Amino acid sequence: MAHFENIQTKETYPLKPNEPITLGRNKYGLKGRYCSREHVKISLLENGRCFLEKLADHAALLNSVHLPLRKEVEAFDGDTITIGAEQKIILRLPNSKEPVYHITVCEDEPLNAKEEVRDKEENSEDSETAEEKSEVESEAESEAEIESEISDESSLLGDYD
């Protein structure tokens, strides 16, 4: 059964699907001046996936990474939530599956940054191809000029019949 454990008190609390709980001061053994009354919401879905949402301005970390304010982040079995300076909760989610990959959204970059990079690369490849074509055409013109000069010179030599 899915649950979480307060590492300091060693107490465990069940997590039920579609029944979000809110971690906070004086709830689930959490204390301290940097622990808000409503600090982190834990939501377990029917399919076993678990999401966290930071509700307070004070620090909340998932595996030593700061949680963004009011944005859901997926959590997995064995992940550690740190609230304030030292309040630690460990998640036990037996039905969760390890992700194939993690996605991080950076607010400083547009969401389509990869598309922009891909477009730049394609444009770069197109310009490189045009440059290569131009070089080949220049070489062909140079060869044609040399052949033309040779044929002009050979006409000056006269016939050898």
N, C-alpha and C. Protein backbone atom coordinates (compact mmCIF):
# COMPACT_ATOMS: atom_id res chain seq x y z
N MET A 1 0.84 -1.19 0.00
CA MET A 1 0.00 0.00 0.00
C MET A 1 0.89 1.25 0.00
N ALA A 2 0.50 2.24 -0.78
CA ALA A 2 1.25 3.48 -0.86
C ALA A 2 1.15 4.23 0.47
N HIS A 3 2.30 4.76 0.89
CA HIS A 3 2.33 5.54 2.12
C HIS A 3 3.56 6.44 2.14
N PHE A 4 3.64 7.29 3.15
CA PHE A 4 4.85 8.08 3.35
C PHE A 4 5.25 7.96 4.80
N GLU A 5 6.55 8.19 5.04
CA GLU A 5 7.09 8.04 6.39
C GLU A 5 7.81 9.33 6.79
N ASN A 6 7.50 9.81 8.00
CA ASN A 6 8.24 10.92 8.58
C ASN A 6 9.53 10.33 9.12
N ILE A 7 10.66 10.70 8.55
CA ILE A 7 11.94 10.09 8.94
C ILE A 7 12.29 10.39 10.39
N GLN A 8 11.94 11.59 10.88
CA GLN A 8 12.28 11.95 12.26
C GLN A 8 11.47 11.14 13.28
N THR A 9 10.16 11.02 13.05
CA THR A 9 9.30 10.34 14.03
C THR A 9 9.14 8.85 13.75
N LYS A 10 9.54 8.41 12.55
CA LYS A 10 9.40 7.01 12.10
C LYS A 10 7.93 6.58 11.94
N GLU A 11 7.01 7.53 11.94
CA GLU A 11 5.60 7.21 11.76
C GLU A 11 5.28 7.15 10.27
N THR A 12 4.36 6.23 9.91
CA THR A 12 3.93 6.11 8.51
C THR A 12 2.47 6.50 8.39
N TYR A 13 2.11 7.02 7.22
CA TYR A 13 0.76 7.49 6.95
C TYR A 13 0.35 7.00 5.57
N PRO A 14 -0.87 6.47 5.44
CA PRO A 14 -1.30 5.93 4.14
C PRO A 14 -1.59 7.03 3.12
N LEU A 15 -1.36 6.69 1.87
CA LEU A 15 -1.76 7.54 0.75
C LEU A 15 -2.84 6.78 -0.01
N LYS A 16 -3.97 7.44 -0.22
CA LYS A 16 -5.08 6.80 -0.93
C LYS A 16 -5.30 7.51 -2.26
N PRO A 17 -5.59 6.72 -3.31
CA PRO A 17 -5.83 7.33 -4.62
C PRO A 17 -6.97 8.34 -4.58
N ASN A 18 -6.77 9.43 -5.27
CA ASN A 18 -7.76 10.51 -5.41
C ASN A 18 -8.17 11.15 -4.09
N GLU A 19 -7.32 11.02 -3.06
CA GLU A 19 -7.55 11.70 -1.78
C GLU A 19 -6.27 12.46 -1.41
N PRO A 20 -6.06 13.64 -2.02
CA PRO A 20 -4.83 14.39 -1.76
C PRO A 20 -4.70 14.73 -0.27
N ILE A 21 -3.46 14.77 0.19
CA ILE A 21 -3.20 15.21 1.56
C ILE A 21 -2.25 16.40 1.50
N THR A 22 -2.31 17.22 2.53
CA THR A 22 -1.44 18.39 2.60
C THR A 22 -0.51 18.26 3.79
N LEU A 23 0.79 18.25 3.50
CA LEU A 23 1.79 18.24 4.56
C LEU A 23 1.96 19.67 5.06
N GLY A 24 2.09 19.81 6.38
CA GLY A 24 2.30 21.14 6.93
C GLY A 24 2.60 21.09 8.42
N ARG A 25 2.84 22.26 8.99
CA ARG A 25 3.18 22.36 10.41
C ARG A 25 2.08 21.74 11.27
N ASN A 26 2.50 20.96 12.23
CA ASN A 26 1.62 20.27 13.18
C ASN A 26 0.74 19.21 12.53
N LYS A 27 1.10 18.78 11.33
CA LYS A 27 0.42 17.66 10.68
C LYS A 27 1.47 16.62 10.37
N TYR A 28 1.16 15.38 10.63
CA TYR A 28 2.04 14.26 10.29
C TYR A 28 3.42 14.38 10.95
N GLY A 29 3.44 14.96 12.14
CA GLY A 29 4.69 15.06 12.91
C GLY A 29 5.64 16.14 12.44
N LEU A 30 5.19 17.03 11.58
CA LEU A 30 6.06 18.10 11.07
C LEU A 30 6.01 19.31 12.00
N LYS A 31 7.18 19.89 12.25
CA LYS A 31 7.29 21.05 13.13
C LYS A 31 8.30 22.02 12.54
N GLY A 32 8.46 23.14 13.20
CA GLY A 32 9.51 24.08 12.81
C GLY A 32 8.96 25.35 12.21
N ARG A 33 9.75 26.41 12.39
CA ARG A 33 9.26 27.72 11.93
C ARG A 33 9.31 27.86 10.41
N TYR A 34 10.06 27.02 9.73
CA TYR A 34 10.11 27.08 8.26
C TYR A 34 9.16 26.08 7.61
N CYS A 35 8.28 25.53 8.41
CA CYS A 35 7.26 24.61 7.90
C CYS A 35 5.92 25.33 7.97
N SER A 36 5.35 25.63 6.82
CA SER A 36 4.07 26.33 6.76
C SER A 36 2.92 25.39 7.11
N ARG A 37 1.78 25.96 7.45
CA ARG A 37 0.62 25.11 7.79
C ARG A 37 0.19 24.26 6.60
N GLU A 38 0.27 24.82 5.42
CA GLU A 38 -0.01 24.07 4.19
C GLU A 38 1.22 24.23 3.30
N HIS A 39 2.06 23.22 3.30
CA HIS A 39 3.37 23.35 2.67
C HIS A 39 3.46 22.59 1.33
N VAL A 40 3.12 21.30 1.34
CA VAL A 40 3.21 20.48 0.13
C VAL A 40 1.98 19.58 0.05
N LYS A 41 1.37 19.56 -1.14
CA LYS A 41 0.23 18.66 -1.37
C LYS A 41 0.74 17.41 -2.08
N ILE A 42 0.32 16.24 -1.60
CA ILE A 42 0.65 14.96 -2.24
C ILE A 42 -0.64 14.39 -2.83
N SER A 43 -0.62 14.09 -4.12
CA SER A 43 -1.78 13.51 -4.79
C SER A 43 -1.39 12.18 -5.41
N LEU A 44 -2.08 11.13 -5.02
CA LEU A 44 -1.87 9.80 -5.59
C LEU A 44 -3.01 9.51 -6.55
N LEU A 45 -2.69 9.10 -7.75
CA LEU A 45 -3.72 8.79 -8.75
C LEU A 45 -4.06 7.30 -8.71
N GLU A 46 -5.17 6.95 -9.34
CA GLU A 46 -5.61 5.55 -9.41
C GLU A 46 -4.55 4.64 -10.04
N ASN A 47 -3.81 5.16 -11.01
CA ASN A 47 -2.82 4.35 -11.72
C ASN A 47 -1.49 4.23 -10.97
N GLY A 48 -1.42 4.78 -9.75
CA GLY A 48 -0.21 4.67 -8.94
C GLY A 48 0.76 5.82 -9.09
N ARG A 49 0.51 6.71 -10.04
CA ARG A 49 1.40 7.87 -10.19
C ARG A 49 1.15 8.85 -9.05
N CYS A 50 2.20 9.55 -8.65
CA CYS A 50 2.12 10.45 -7.50
C CYS A 50 2.67 11.82 -7.90
N PHE A 51 1.97 12.88 -7.49
CA PHE A 51 2.39 14.23 -7.81
C PHE A 51 2.46 15.08 -6.55
N LEU A 52 3.45 15.97 -6.53
CA LEU A 52 3.63 16.90 -5.42
C LEU A 52 3.40 18.31 -5.94
N GLU A 53 2.85 19.16 -5.05
CA GLU A 53 2.69 20.57 -5.39
C GLU A 53 3.08 21.39 -4.18
N LYS A 54 4.06 22.26 -4.35
CA LYS A 54 4.51 23.14 -3.27
C LYS A 54 3.50 24.27 -3.14
N LEU A 55 2.98 24.47 -1.91
CA LEU A 55 1.95 25.47 -1.68
C LEU A 55 2.46 26.69 -0.93
N ALA A 56 3.67 26.62 -0.37
CA ALA A 56 4.19 27.69 0.50
C ALA A 56 5.44 28.32 -0.09
N ASP A 57 5.76 29.50 0.43
CA ASP A 57 6.97 30.20 -0.03
C ASP A 57 8.24 29.60 0.55
N HIS A 58 8.15 28.98 1.72
CA HIS A 58 9.35 28.38 2.34
C HIS A 58 9.82 27.19 1.51
N ALA A 59 11.07 26.81 1.73
CA ALA A 59 11.71 25.75 0.94
C ALA A 59 11.00 24.41 1.05
N ALA A 60 10.93 23.74 -0.08
CA ALA A 60 10.47 22.35 -0.16
C ALA A 60 11.29 21.72 -1.28
N LEU A 61 11.92 20.59 -0.97
CA LEU A 61 12.79 19.94 -1.95
C LEU A 61 12.32 18.52 -2.22
N LEU A 62 12.53 18.08 -3.43
CA LEU A 62 12.31 16.69 -3.81
C LEU A 62 13.67 16.16 -4.22
N ASN A 63 14.20 15.23 -3.42
CA ASN A 63 15.54 14.68 -3.69
C ASN A 63 16.58 15.80 -3.87
N SER A 64 16.58 16.75 -2.97
CA SER A 64 17.55 17.86 -2.94
C SER A 64 17.36 18.90 -4.05
N VAL A 65 16.27 18.84 -4.78
CA VAL A 65 15.98 19.83 -5.83
C VAL A 65 14.75 20.63 -5.41
N HIS A 66 14.86 21.96 -5.46
CA HIS A 66 13.75 22.81 -5.04
C HIS A 66 12.51 22.57 -5.91
N LEU A 67 11.38 22.43 -5.24
CA LEU A 67 10.11 22.30 -5.96
C LEU A 67 9.66 23.69 -6.40
N PRO A 68 9.10 23.81 -7.60
CA PRO A 68 8.57 25.10 -8.04
C PRO A 68 7.24 25.38 -7.32
N LEU A 69 6.95 26.62 -7.07
CA LEU A 69 5.73 27.01 -6.38
C LEU A 69 4.51 26.78 -7.28
N ARG A 70 3.54 26.09 -6.73
CA ARG A 70 2.24 25.84 -7.37
C ARG A 70 2.32 25.16 -8.75
N LYS A 71 3.29 24.26 -8.90
CA LYS A 71 3.38 23.45 -10.12
C LYS A 71 3.53 22.00 -9.70
N GLU A 72 2.76 21.13 -10.33
CA GLU A 72 2.84 19.71 -9.98
C GLU A 72 4.11 19.08 -10.55
N VAL A 73 4.73 18.25 -9.71
CA VAL A 73 5.94 17.53 -10.10
C VAL A 73 5.72 16.07 -9.74
N GLU A 74 6.06 15.17 -10.65
CA GLU A 74 5.86 13.75 -10.39
C GLU A 74 6.93 13.23 -9.44
N ALA A 75 6.49 12.40 -8.49
CA ALA A 75 7.40 11.78 -7.52
C ALA A 75 7.32 10.26 -7.69
N PHE A 76 8.37 9.57 -7.24
CA PHE A 76 8.47 8.13 -7.41
C PHE A 76 8.84 7.45 -6.10
N ASP A 77 8.70 6.14 -6.09
CA ASP A 77 9.01 5.35 -4.91
C ASP A 77 10.42 5.64 -4.41
N GLY A 78 10.54 5.92 -3.11
CA GLY A 78 11.85 6.17 -2.51
C GLY A 78 12.28 7.62 -2.55
N ASP A 79 11.52 8.48 -3.23
CA ASP A 79 11.87 9.90 -3.26
C ASP A 79 11.74 10.50 -1.86
N THR A 80 12.57 11.51 -1.59
CA THR A 80 12.56 12.17 -0.29
C THR A 80 12.10 13.61 -0.45
N ILE A 81 11.13 14.00 0.38
CA ILE A 81 10.64 15.37 0.42
C ILE A 81 11.26 16.02 1.64
N THR A 82 11.90 17.18 1.46
CA THR A 82 12.45 17.93 2.59
C THR A 82 11.65 19.21 2.72
N ILE A 83 11.13 19.45 3.92
CA ILE A 83 10.34 20.64 4.19
C ILE A 83 11.10 21.49 5.19
N GLY A 84 11.26 22.78 4.86
CA GLY A 84 12.03 23.65 5.73
C GLY A 84 13.48 23.20 5.75
N ALA A 85 14.10 23.31 6.92
CA ALA A 85 15.53 22.99 7.02
C ALA A 85 15.80 21.50 7.13
N GLU A 86 14.96 20.76 7.84
CA GLU A 86 15.34 19.37 8.11
C GLU A 86 14.19 18.38 8.25
N GLN A 87 12.98 18.78 7.98
CA GLN A 87 11.85 17.86 8.08
C GLN A 87 11.84 16.98 6.83
N LYS A 88 12.01 15.68 6.99
CA LYS A 88 12.12 14.79 5.83
C LYS A 88 11.01 13.74 5.83
N ILE A 89 10.47 13.55 4.64
CA ILE A 89 9.42 12.56 4.38
C ILE A 89 9.93 11.67 3.26
N ILE A 90 9.74 10.36 3.40
CA ILE A 90 10.12 9.45 2.31
C ILE A 90 8.84 8.81 1.76
N LEU A 91 8.74 8.78 0.43
CA LEU A 91 7.56 8.21 -0.23
C LEU A 91 7.76 6.73 -0.50
N ARG A 92 6.73 5.95 -0.25
CA ARG A 92 6.72 4.52 -0.56
C ARG A 92 5.54 4.28 -1.48
N LEU A 93 5.86 4.08 -2.75
CA LEU A 93 4.83 3.93 -3.79
C LEU A 93 5.05 2.63 -4.52
N PRO A 94 4.56 1.52 -3.98
CA PRO A 94 4.86 0.21 -4.57
C PRO A 94 4.35 0.02 -5.99
N ASN A 95 3.33 0.75 -6.39
CA ASN A 95 2.77 0.56 -7.74
C ASN A 95 3.35 1.53 -8.76
N SER A 96 4.24 2.42 -8.31
CA SER A 96 4.79 3.38 -9.28
C SER A 96 5.84 2.71 -10.14
N LYS A 97 5.98 3.21 -11.34
CA LYS A 97 6.98 2.69 -12.27
C LYS A 97 8.02 3.77 -12.47
N GLU A 98 9.26 3.36 -12.57
CA GLU A 98 10.33 4.32 -12.83
C GLU A 98 10.08 4.96 -14.19
N PRO A 99 10.33 6.25 -14.29
CA PRO A 99 10.09 6.92 -15.57
C PRO A 99 11.13 6.52 -16.61
N VAL A 100 10.73 6.62 -17.86
CA VAL A 100 11.67 6.39 -18.95
C VAL A 100 12.58 7.61 -19.05
N TYR A 101 12.03 8.79 -18.80
CA TYR A 101 12.80 10.03 -18.81
C TYR A 101 12.10 11.05 -17.92
N HIS A 102 12.83 12.06 -17.50
CA HIS A 102 12.27 13.17 -16.73
C HIS A 102 12.23 14.39 -17.64
N ILE A 103 11.23 15.23 -17.43
CA ILE A 103 11.14 16.48 -18.18
C ILE A 103 11.25 17.62 -17.18
N THR A 104 12.11 18.57 -17.48
CA THR A 104 12.25 19.75 -16.65
C THR A 104 11.89 20.95 -17.50
N VAL A 105 10.96 21.77 -17.02
CA VAL A 105 10.58 22.97 -17.73
C VAL A 105 11.30 24.13 -17.08
N CYS A 106 12.10 24.84 -17.85
CA CYS A 106 12.83 26.01 -17.36
C CYS A 106 12.06 27.25 -17.77
N GLU A 107 11.77 28.11 -16.81
CA GLU A 107 10.98 29.29 -17.12
C GLU A 107 11.76 30.30 -17.95
N ASP A 108 13.09 30.22 -17.97
CA ASP A 108 13.90 31.17 -18.72
C ASP A 108 13.96 30.85 -20.21
N GLU A 109 13.57 29.65 -20.61
CA GLU A 109 13.65 29.25 -22.00
C GLU A 109 12.25 29.02 -22.55
N PRO A 110 12.03 29.35 -23.82
CA PRO A 110 10.72 29.03 -24.41
C PRO A 110 10.56 27.52 -24.50
N LEU A 111 9.32 27.06 -24.40
CA LEU A 111 9.06 25.62 -24.45
C LEU A 111 9.46 25.02 -25.78
N ASN A 112 9.49 25.83 -26.83
CA ASN A 112 9.83 25.30 -28.15
C ASN A 112 11.29 25.55 -28.48
N ALA A 113 12.15 25.65 -27.47
CA ALA A 113 13.57 25.93 -27.70
C ALA A 113 14.22 24.85 -28.56
N LYS A 114 13.85 23.59 -28.36
CA LYS A 114 14.44 22.51 -29.15
C LYS A 114 14.06 22.66 -30.62
N GLU A 115 12.81 23.09 -30.88
CA GLU A 115 12.38 23.28 -32.26
C GLU A 115 13.20 24.40 -32.91
N GLU A 116 13.43 25.49 -32.13
CA GLU A 116 14.21 26.59 -32.67
C GLU A 116 15.62 26.13 -33.01
N VAL A 117 16.23 25.33 -32.15
CA VAL A 117 17.58 24.81 -32.40
C VAL A 117 17.56 23.94 -33.64
N ARG A 118 16.54 23.06 -33.75
CA ARG A 118 16.43 22.18 -34.90
C ARG A 118 16.30 23.02 -36.18
N ASP A 119 15.46 24.08 -36.14
CA ASP A 119 15.30 24.95 -37.31
C ASP A 119 16.62 25.60 -37.69
N LYS A 120 17.37 26.08 -36.68
CA LYS A 120 18.66 26.71 -36.96
C LYS A 120 19.62 25.71 -37.58
N GLU A 121 19.62 24.47 -37.07
CA GLU A 121 20.50 23.45 -37.62
C GLU A 121 20.14 23.15 -39.07
N GLU A 122 18.83 23.05 -39.35
CA GLU A 122 18.39 22.77 -40.72
C GLU A 122 18.79 23.91 -41.65
N ASN A 123 18.59 25.16 -41.19
CA ASN A 123 18.98 26.31 -42.00
C ASN A 123 20.48 26.32 -42.23
N SER A 124 21.22 25.96 -41.20
CA SER A 124 22.68 25.90 -41.31
C SER A 124 23.08 24.85 -42.34
N GLU A 125 22.41 23.68 -42.29
CA GLU A 125 22.70 22.61 -43.26
C GLU A 125 22.36 23.07 -44.67
N ASP A 126 21.22 23.79 -44.81
CA ASP A 126 20.83 24.30 -46.12
C ASP A 126 21.87 25.26 -46.66
N SER A 127 22.37 26.17 -45.81
CA SER A 127 23.36 27.13 -46.28
C SER A 127 24.67 26.43 -46.60
N GLU A 128 25.03 25.39 -45.82
CA GLU A 128 26.25 24.63 -46.12
C GLU A 128 26.11 23.94 -47.47
N THR A 129 24.94 23.38 -47.75
CA THR A 129 24.70 22.70 -49.02
C THR A 129 24.81 23.70 -50.17
N ALA A 130 24.28 24.90 -50.00
CA ALA A 130 24.36 25.93 -51.03
C ALA A 130 25.81 26.33 -51.26
N GLU A 131 26.58 26.45 -50.16
CA GLU A 131 28.00 26.79 -50.29
C GLU A 131 28.75 25.70 -51.04
N GLU A 132 28.44 24.43 -50.72
CA GLU A 132 29.10 23.30 -51.39
C GLU A 132 28.77 23.32 -52.88
N LYS A 133 27.51 23.58 -53.24
CA LYS A 133 27.11 23.64 -54.65
C LYS A 133 27.87 24.75 -55.36
N SER A 134 27.98 25.89 -54.69
CA SER A 134 28.68 27.04 -55.27
C SER A 134 30.13 26.69 -55.55
N GLU A 135 30.79 26.00 -54.61
CA GLU A 135 32.18 25.58 -54.79
C GLU A 135 32.31 24.64 -55.98
N VAL A 136 31.42 23.66 -56.09
CA VAL A 136 31.46 22.69 -57.19
C VAL A 136 31.27 23.41 -58.52
N GLU A 137 30.33 24.37 -58.57
CA GLU A 137 30.09 25.12 -59.80
C GLU A 137 31.33 25.93 -60.18
N SER A 138 31.98 26.56 -59.19
CA SER A 138 33.19 27.35 -59.45
C SER A 138 34.29 26.47 -60.01
N GLU A 139 34.47 25.29 -59.44
CA GLU A 139 35.49 24.37 -59.92
C GLU A 139 35.20 23.94 -61.36
N ALA A 140 33.94 23.66 -61.65
CA ALA A 140 33.55 23.24 -63.00
C ALA A 140 33.83 24.36 -64.01
N GLU A 141 33.51 25.61 -63.61
CA GLU A 141 33.76 26.74 -64.50
C GLU A 141 35.26 26.90 -64.76
N SER A 142 36.07 26.74 -63.71
CA SER A 142 37.54 26.86 -63.86
C SER A 142 38.06 25.80 -64.81
N GLU A 143 37.58 24.57 -64.67
CA GLU A 143 38.02 23.48 -65.55
C GLU A 143 37.61 23.77 -66.99
N ALA A 144 36.41 24.31 -67.18
CA ALA A 144 35.93 24.62 -68.52
C ALA A 144 36.80 25.70 -69.16
N GLU A 145 37.20 26.72 -68.37
CA GLU A 145 38.07 27.78 -68.88
C GLU A 145 39.43 27.21 -69.30
N ILE A 146 40.00 26.32 -68.50
CA ILE A 146 41.29 25.71 -68.82
C ILE A 146 41.19 24.91 -70.11
N GLU A 147 40.13 24.10 -70.25
CA GLU A 147 39.94 23.31 -71.47
C GLU A 147 39.79 24.22 -72.69
N SER A 148 39.08 25.33 -72.49
CA SER A 148 38.89 26.28 -73.59
C SER A 148 40.22 26.87 -74.02
N GLU A 149 41.06 27.24 -73.04
CA GLU A 149 42.38 27.79 -73.37
C GLU A 149 43.23 26.77 -74.10
N ILE A 150 43.18 25.51 -73.67
CA ILE A 150 43.96 24.45 -74.32
C ILE A 150 43.52 24.28 -75.76
N SER A 151 42.20 24.25 -76.00
CA SER A 151 41.73 24.05 -77.36
C SER A 151 42.10 25.23 -78.24
N ASP A 152 42.09 26.46 -77.68
CA ASP A 152 42.50 27.64 -78.45
C ASP A 152 43.97 27.54 -78.83
N GLU A 153 44.81 27.11 -77.90
CA GLU A 153 46.24 26.99 -78.16
C GLU A 153 46.52 25.90 -79.19
N SER A 154 45.79 24.80 -79.12
CA SER A 154 46.02 23.71 -80.07
C SER A 154 45.65 24.13 -81.48
N SER A 155 44.72 25.04 -81.64
CA SER A 155 44.36 25.50 -82.98
C SER A 155 45.48 26.34 -83.60
N LEU A 156 46.32 26.93 -82.75
CA LEU A 156 47.44 27.72 -83.26
C LEU A 156 48.56 26.84 -83.80
N LEU A 157 48.62 25.62 -83.36
CA LEU A 157 49.70 24.72 -83.76
C LEU A 157 49.57 24.27 -85.21
N GLY A 158 48.39 24.26 -85.69
CA GLY A 158 48.20 23.85 -87.07
C GLY A 158 47.94 22.37 -87.18
N ASP A 159 47.80 21.94 -88.46
CA ASP A 159 47.50 20.53 -88.70
C ASP A 159 48.78 19.74 -88.88
N TYR A 160 48.77 18.52 -88.48
CA TYR A 160 49.92 17.62 -88.63
C TYR A 160 49.62 16.52 -89.63
N ASP A 161 48.94 16.76 -90.62
CA ASP A 161 48.63 15.71 -91.58
C ASP A 161 49.70 15.50 -92.56
